[in-house]
């Protein structure tokens, strides 16, 4: 049996004095002794020193690859959290003061309202609305049960001159007045089971007749008349600009 010409190779030679393996290396690299280069993606470990994770992209494991995408450096241990800064100092980091509305450039919820992690709730930090934080900073706090409303109707604004304190009902009224409410088709006359018109509701609430008399007149029950008068039924204050007071 004729052996491969490569030293220490005991395999039988097949072509030009080489075994099949070394002949392929000779054809590809021009040298049968060259070991095939390992592609970066084929490495068995993440390239970050000390990490034994399996690489998934750019020779990095999934954890270090996410860090590279987020921070530009796969070795970053964690994002800077501004430890030691007060809530007010962190608030100003994300606020751009300018004429008119002050823009919040930090995290925002799906409705466009700025949010900032603050306080401590059951051992966990909780998000606060940025415009509420602004109101607290500039007015010394918020009365319990009060909402902070926007005069400018811009949820991203944190300018204290554009904010005012109000009750939950003020918040609802403001929503209807500015046309931001969406009653859909199931309110008032548009409800599929509505038996009364808007004018009839107003008439019932203004009438001094007995509940039974009004019930017979409008074809509804006395209990329904009572619910309308006590605003347990048709209790929405506005509907398409109509006031039912």
Protein backbone atom coordinates (compact mmCIF):
# COMPACT_ATOMS: atom_id res chain seq x y z
CA UNK A 1 0.00 0.00 0.00
CA UNK A 2 1.38 3.34 -1.02
CA UNK A 3 0.96 5.92 1.75
CA UNK A 4 0.15 9.59 1.44
CA UNK A 5 3.21 11.80 0.82
CA UNK A 6 2.28 14.05 3.73
CA UNK A 7 4.47 13.27 6.71
CA UNK A 8 2.75 11.40 9.55
CA UNK A 9 -0.27 10.63 7.37
CA UNK A 10 -0.80 6.88 7.30
CA UNK A 11 -3.71 6.96 4.87
CA UNK A 12 -3.47 5.25 1.50
CA UNK A 13 -2.56 7.57 -1.37
CA UNK A 14 -5.16 7.95 -4.13
CA UNK A 15 -4.22 10.88 -6.41
CA UNK A 16 -0.73 12.31 -7.10
CA UNK A 17 0.61 10.61 -4.02
CA UNK A 18 -1.90 12.19 -1.67
CA UNK A 19 -4.80 10.75 0.24
CA UNK A 20 -8.22 12.20 -0.52
CA UNK A 21 -8.12 14.68 2.37
CA UNK A 22 -4.70 16.12 1.59
CA UNK A 23 -5.39 16.15 -2.13
CA UNK A 24 -8.44 18.40 -1.52
CA UNK A 25 -6.27 20.75 0.53
CA UNK A 26 -3.68 20.75 -2.25
CA UNK A 27 -6.32 21.70 -4.84
CA UNK A 28 -8.00 24.38 -2.69
CA UNK A 29 -5.00 25.97 -0.94
CA UNK A 30 -2.06 24.84 -3.07
CA UNK A 31 -0.50 23.18 -0.02
CA UNK A 32 -1.67 19.81 1.32
CA UNK A 33 -0.45 20.66 4.82
CA UNK A 34 -2.67 23.75 5.21
CA UNK A 35 -5.44 23.24 7.74
CA UNK A 36 -8.81 24.48 6.54
CA UNK A 37 -9.56 27.95 7.87
CA UNK A 38 -12.50 28.16 10.26
CA UNK A 39 -15.03 30.80 9.33
CA UNK A 40 -15.95 33.28 12.05
CA UNK A 41 -19.53 32.01 12.15
CA UNK A 42 -18.29 28.44 12.65
CA UNK A 43 -16.41 29.18 15.85
CA UNK A 44 -17.72 27.18 18.76
CA UNK A 45 -17.52 29.97 21.37
CA UNK A 46 -18.44 33.61 21.59
CA UNK A 47 -15.44 35.85 20.88
CA UNK A 48 -15.96 37.82 24.09
CA UNK A 49 -13.26 36.71 26.54
CA UNK A 50 -14.66 34.48 29.25
CA UNK A 51 -17.93 33.78 27.45
CA UNK A 52 -18.65 30.16 26.54
CA UNK A 53 -21.94 30.87 24.79
CA UNK A 54 -22.58 29.58 21.30
CA UNK A 55 -22.20 32.31 18.65
CA UNK A 56 -25.29 33.24 16.69
CA UNK A 57 -24.26 36.38 14.79
CA UNK A 58 -20.95 38.14 14.15
CA UNK A 59 -19.18 35.50 16.29
CA UNK A 60 -21.16 36.70 19.32
CA UNK A 61 -23.64 34.84 21.47
CA UNK A 62 -27.18 36.22 21.58
CA UNK A 63 -26.56 38.15 24.83
CA UNK A 64 -23.43 39.93 23.63
CA UNK A 65 -24.90 40.51 20.18
CA UNK A 66 -27.86 42.36 21.75
CA UNK A 67 -25.44 44.49 23.74
CA UNK A 68 -23.51 45.32 20.58
CA UNK A 69 -26.71 46.42 18.84
CA UNK A 70 -27.94 48.45 21.82
CA UNK A 71 -24.75 50.04 23.11
CA UNK A 72 -22.27 49.55 20.27
CA UNK A 73 -20.00 47.46 22.51
CA UNK A 74 -20.70 43.79 23.33
CA UNK A 75 -18.63 43.99 26.53
CA UNK A 76 -20.79 46.65 28.23
CA UNK A 77 -22.07 45.22 31.50
CA UNK A 78 -25.18 47.39 31.80
CA UNK A 79 -26.67 50.65 30.65
CA UNK A 80 -25.85 53.78 32.64
CA UNK A 81 -28.70 54.34 35.09
CA UNK A 82 -27.69 57.74 36.52
CA UNK A 83 -27.48 56.30 40.03
CA UNK A 84 -27.37 58.93 42.74
CA UNK A 85 -29.27 61.57 40.75
CA UNK A 86 -32.51 62.97 42.10
CA UNK A 87 -35.83 62.62 40.29
CA UNK A 88 -35.65 66.29 39.30
CA UNK A 89 -32.14 65.91 37.88
CA UNK A 90 -33.22 62.89 35.85
CA UNK A 91 -36.32 64.78 34.66
CA UNK A 92 -34.21 67.58 33.16
CA UNK A 93 -32.04 65.05 31.31
CA UNK A 94 -35.00 64.20 29.09
CA UNK A 95 -36.59 67.65 28.79
CA UNK A 96 -35.93 70.07 25.96
CA UNK A 97 -36.97 73.59 26.97
CA UNK A 98 -38.07 75.85 24.16
CA UNK A 99 -40.69 78.46 23.40
CA UNK A 100 -44.15 76.95 23.68
CA UNK A 101 -44.31 73.25 24.49
CA UNK A 102 -41.37 71.65 26.25
CA UNK A 103 -40.54 68.42 24.49
CA UNK A 104 -40.04 65.19 26.42
CA UNK A 105 -37.36 63.12 24.66
CA UNK A 106 -37.37 60.16 27.04
CA UNK A 107 -39.54 57.07 27.01
CA UNK A 108 -43.20 57.52 26.00
CA UNK A 109 -46.22 55.25 26.25
CA UNK A 110 -48.35 54.33 23.20
CA UNK A 111 -50.51 57.43 23.77
CA UNK A 112 -47.53 59.77 23.55
CA UNK A 113 -47.28 60.59 27.28
CA UNK A 114 -43.74 60.72 28.63
CA UNK A 115 -42.82 58.28 31.39
CA UNK A 116 -39.96 58.09 33.86
CA UNK A 117 -39.17 55.35 36.37
CA UNK A 118 -39.43 56.79 39.88
CA UNK A 119 -40.35 55.98 43.46
CA UNK A 120 -40.50 52.59 45.07
CA UNK A 121 -43.56 50.37 44.96
CA UNK A 122 -43.47 46.94 46.65
CA UNK A 123 -39.71 46.90 46.18
CA UNK A 124 -39.99 47.78 42.50
CA UNK A 125 -39.62 51.06 40.67
CA UNK A 126 -42.79 52.31 39.01
CA UNK A 127 -43.21 54.55 35.96
CA UNK A 128 -44.63 58.04 36.44
CA UNK A 129 -46.09 60.34 33.83
CA UNK A 130 -43.53 62.98 32.90
CA UNK A 131 -46.04 65.85 32.93
CA UNK A 132 -47.11 64.91 36.48
CA UNK A 133 -43.45 64.98 37.55
CA UNK A 134 -43.10 68.42 35.95
CA UNK A 135 -46.17 69.67 37.82
CA UNK A 136 -44.80 68.30 41.10
CA UNK A 137 -41.41 69.94 40.57
CA UNK A 138 -42.83 73.36 39.75
CA UNK A 139 -45.83 73.40 42.09
CA UNK A 140 -44.58 71.48 45.10
CA UNK A 141 -46.78 68.42 44.62
CA UNK A 142 -50.19 67.20 43.49
CA UNK A 143 -53.30 67.13 45.66
CA UNK A 144 -54.43 63.57 46.32
CA UNK A 145 -57.03 62.38 43.81
CA UNK A 146 -56.29 65.17 41.32
CA UNK A 147 -55.24 64.73 37.71
CA UNK A 148 -52.74 66.89 35.82
CA UNK A 149 -54.27 68.08 32.54
CA UNK A 150 -52.82 69.71 29.43
CA UNK A 151 -54.02 73.10 28.20
CA UNK A 152 -52.13 72.58 24.93
CA UNK A 153 -53.59 69.12 24.24
CA UNK A 154 -50.05 67.87 23.55
CA UNK A 155 -49.36 64.70 25.60
CA UNK A 156 -45.59 65.03 25.03
CA UNK A 157 -45.45 68.52 26.57
CA UNK A 158 -44.03 69.01 30.10
CA UNK A 159 -44.12 72.82 30.23
CA UNK A 160 -45.64 73.69 33.65
CA UNK A 161 -47.39 76.72 32.13
CA UNK A 162 -49.36 74.33 29.93
CA UNK A 163 -50.46 72.14 32.85
CA UNK A 164 -53.23 72.49 35.43
CA UNK A 165 -54.71 70.37 38.18
CA UNK A 166 -58.25 69.01 37.87
CA UNK A 167 -60.62 66.31 39.02
CA UNK A 168 -61.21 63.06 37.12
CA UNK A 169 -64.49 64.57 35.86
CA UNK A 170 -62.58 67.63 34.61
CA UNK A 171 -60.36 65.23 32.69
CA UNK A 172 -63.37 63.52 31.09
CA UNK A 173 -65.04 66.85 30.26
CA UNK A 174 -61.82 68.13 28.73
CA UNK A 175 -61.60 64.98 26.58
CA UNK A 176 -65.11 65.54 25.21
CA UNK A 177 -64.65 69.29 24.75
CA UNK A 178 -61.51 68.76 22.66
CA UNK A 179 -63.15 66.04 20.56
CA UNK A 180 -60.77 63.30 21.69
CA UNK A 181 -63.50 60.98 22.96
CA UNK A 182 -64.61 58.06 20.86
CA UNK A 183 -68.12 57.02 21.93
CA UNK A 184 -68.47 54.57 19.07
CA UNK A 185 -71.96 53.47 18.05
CA UNK A 186 -73.22 52.03 21.34
CA UNK A 187 -74.03 55.27 23.17
CA UNK A 188 -77.36 57.11 23.33
CA UNK A 189 -79.69 56.81 20.37
CA UNK A 190 -77.11 54.72 18.50
CA UNK A 191 -77.37 51.86 20.95
CA UNK A 192 -79.08 48.90 19.35
CA UNK A 193 -81.60 48.56 22.19
CA UNK A 194 -82.32 52.27 22.76
CA UNK A 195 -86.03 53.05 23.12
CA UNK A 196 -85.71 56.78 23.73
CA UNK A 197 -84.46 59.75 21.79
CA UNK A 198 -82.23 62.51 23.14
CA UNK A 199 -85.20 64.87 23.38
CA UNK A 200 -87.19 62.33 25.38
CA UNK A 201 -84.35 61.94 27.87
CA UNK A 202 -84.23 65.71 28.38
CA UNK A 203 -88.01 65.80 28.80
CA UNK A 204 -87.96 63.06 31.45
CA UNK A 205 -85.26 64.79 33.46
CA UNK A 206 -87.04 68.13 33.38
CA UNK A 207 -90.53 66.76 34.03
CA UNK A 208 -92.28 66.92 37.42
CA UNK A 209 -94.67 64.10 36.51
CA UNK A 210 -94.62 60.85 38.42
CA UNK A 211 -92.35 58.05 37.33
CA UNK A 212 -95.33 55.82 36.44
CA UNK A 213 -96.89 58.54 34.31
CA UNK A 214 -93.64 59.14 32.42
CA UNK A 215 -93.15 55.41 32.00
CA UNK A 216 -96.55 54.97 30.36
CA UNK A 217 -96.02 58.05 28.22
CA UNK A 218 -92.67 56.88 26.80
CA UNK A 219 -93.27 53.14 26.78
CA UNK A 220 -90.63 52.23 29.34
CA UNK A 221 -90.67 50.97 32.94
CA UNK A 222 -90.89 53.18 36.02
CA UNK A 223 -87.51 51.84 37.17
CA UNK A 224 -85.98 52.99 33.90
CA UNK A 225 -87.45 56.45 34.41
CA UNK A 226 -85.88 56.53 37.86
CA UNK A 227 -82.51 55.42 36.44
CA UNK A 228 -82.63 58.21 33.86
CA UNK A 229 -83.52 60.87 36.43
CA UNK A 230 -80.75 59.67 38.76
CA UNK A 231 -78.28 59.46 35.87
CA UNK A 232 -77.72 55.76 36.24
CA UNK A 233 -78.91 55.41 32.64
CA UNK A 234 -77.88 57.82 29.88
CA UNK A 235 -75.20 58.87 32.36
CA UNK A 236 -72.63 60.08 29.84
CA UNK A 237 -72.48 63.85 30.12
CA UNK A 238 -71.71 64.54 26.49
CA UNK A 239 -72.40 62.67 23.30
CA UNK A 240 -71.36 64.24 20.02
CA UNK A 241 -71.49 67.66 21.66
CA UNK A 242 -74.95 67.10 23.22
CA UNK A 243 -75.30 68.00 26.90
CA UNK A 244 -77.88 65.91 28.77
CA UNK A 245 -77.88 68.03 31.94
